[in-house]
Amino acid sequence: MLKTAIAVLFALAVGYALHVFAQPRPDFRQGVIPMGNSSSEGVGFAWFYDPADRTVHVCRTGRGAAEPLDCKAKTTLP
């Protein structure tokens, strides 16, 4: 009887542990921070800093609505 009770309690503990570790974890990653912007002759630039991986992103916009936003340039800080 004692062995059966211990086995049931162990199974309940394992089941509870699996349930606790399966819960989703919230993501507390800080968002991208705008650093500044500038424009000249209709072409605009904006700089953003990502503190999670210490990178700076540069985005460029064109003169008209037909030219898309380009945010491919980035560099990692030391």
Protein backbone atom coordinates (compact mmCIF):
# COMPACT_ATOMS: atom_id res chain seq x y z
CA MET A 1 0.00 0.00 0.00
CA LEU A 2 2.82 2.38 0.88
CA LYS A 3 4.64 1.67 -2.40
CA THR A 4 1.47 2.41 -4.37
CA ALA A 5 0.93 5.72 -2.55
CA ILE A 6 4.53 6.76 -3.16
CA ALA A 7 4.24 5.83 -6.86
CA VAL A 8 1.03 7.88 -7.22
CA LEU A 9 2.57 10.91 -5.46
CA PHE A 10 5.68 10.64 -7.63
CA ALA A 11 3.55 10.48 -10.79
CA LEU A 12 1.57 13.54 -9.67
CA ALA A 13 4.77 15.45 -8.94
CA VAL A 14 6.23 14.59 -12.34
CA GLY A 15 2.99 15.58 -14.07
CA TYR A 16 2.91 18.90 -12.23
CA ALA A 17 6.57 19.57 -13.09
CA LEU A 18 5.90 18.93 -16.78
CA HIS A 19 2.88 21.24 -16.62
CA VAL A 20 4.89 24.05 -14.97
CA PHE A 21 7.78 23.86 -17.45
CA ALA A 22 5.41 23.75 -20.43
CA GLN A 23 3.94 27.18 -19.62
CA PRO A 24 4.79 29.98 -22.08
CA ARG A 25 7.35 32.48 -20.89
CA PRO A 26 6.78 36.20 -21.52
CA ASP A 27 9.37 37.93 -23.68
CA PHE A 28 10.79 40.94 -21.87
CA ARG A 29 13.10 41.96 -24.70
CA GLN A 30 13.40 45.70 -25.00
CA GLY A 31 12.27 47.14 -28.32
CA VAL A 32 14.32 49.01 -30.89
CA ILE A 33 15.13 52.58 -29.82
CA PRO A 34 15.08 55.43 -32.38
CA MET A 35 18.36 57.38 -32.33
CA GLY A 36 17.76 60.11 -34.87
CA ASN A 37 16.92 60.97 -38.44
CA SER A 38 17.88 63.28 -41.25
CA SER A 39 16.80 64.10 -44.78
CA SER A 40 18.31 65.77 -47.78
CA GLU A 41 16.76 66.39 -51.20
CA GLY A 42 13.80 64.12 -50.47
CA VAL A 43 15.82 61.15 -49.24
CA GLY A 44 15.36 60.38 -45.54
CA PHE A 45 17.47 58.34 -43.14
CA ALA A 46 16.66 57.04 -39.66
CA TRP A 47 18.90 55.24 -37.15
CA PHE A 48 17.65 52.66 -34.65
CA TYR A 49 19.52 50.91 -31.83
CA ASP A 50 18.65 47.33 -30.81
CA PRO A 51 19.96 46.77 -27.24
CA ALA A 52 19.28 43.01 -27.34
CA ASP A 53 22.08 42.30 -29.84
CA ARG A 54 23.83 45.72 -29.71
CA THR A 55 23.25 46.62 -33.37
CA VAL A 56 22.49 49.88 -35.11
CA HIS A 57 20.10 49.76 -38.07
CA VAL A 58 19.90 52.44 -40.74
CA CYS A 59 16.68 52.85 -42.72
CA ARG A 60 16.40 54.84 -45.95
CA THR A 61 13.30 56.20 -47.65
CA GLY A 62 13.12 57.41 -51.20
CA ARG A 63 11.66 60.49 -52.79
CA GLY A 64 8.30 59.08 -53.80
CA ALA A 65 5.78 56.54 -52.68
CA ALA A 66 6.99 54.17 -55.42
CA GLU A 67 10.41 53.76 -53.76
CA PRO A 68 10.17 51.36 -50.79
CA LEU A 69 11.64 51.62 -47.31
CA ASP A 70 15.11 50.02 -47.08
CA CYS A 71 16.38 48.88 -43.64
CA LYS A 72 19.05 46.36 -44.68
CA ALA A 73 22.12 48.21 -43.39
CA LYS A 74 23.22 47.32 -39.85
CA THR A 75 26.38 47.13 -37.79
CA THR A 76 27.21 45.51 -34.46
CA LEU A 77 28.75 47.63 -31.73
CA PRO A 78 31.85 46.38 -29.92
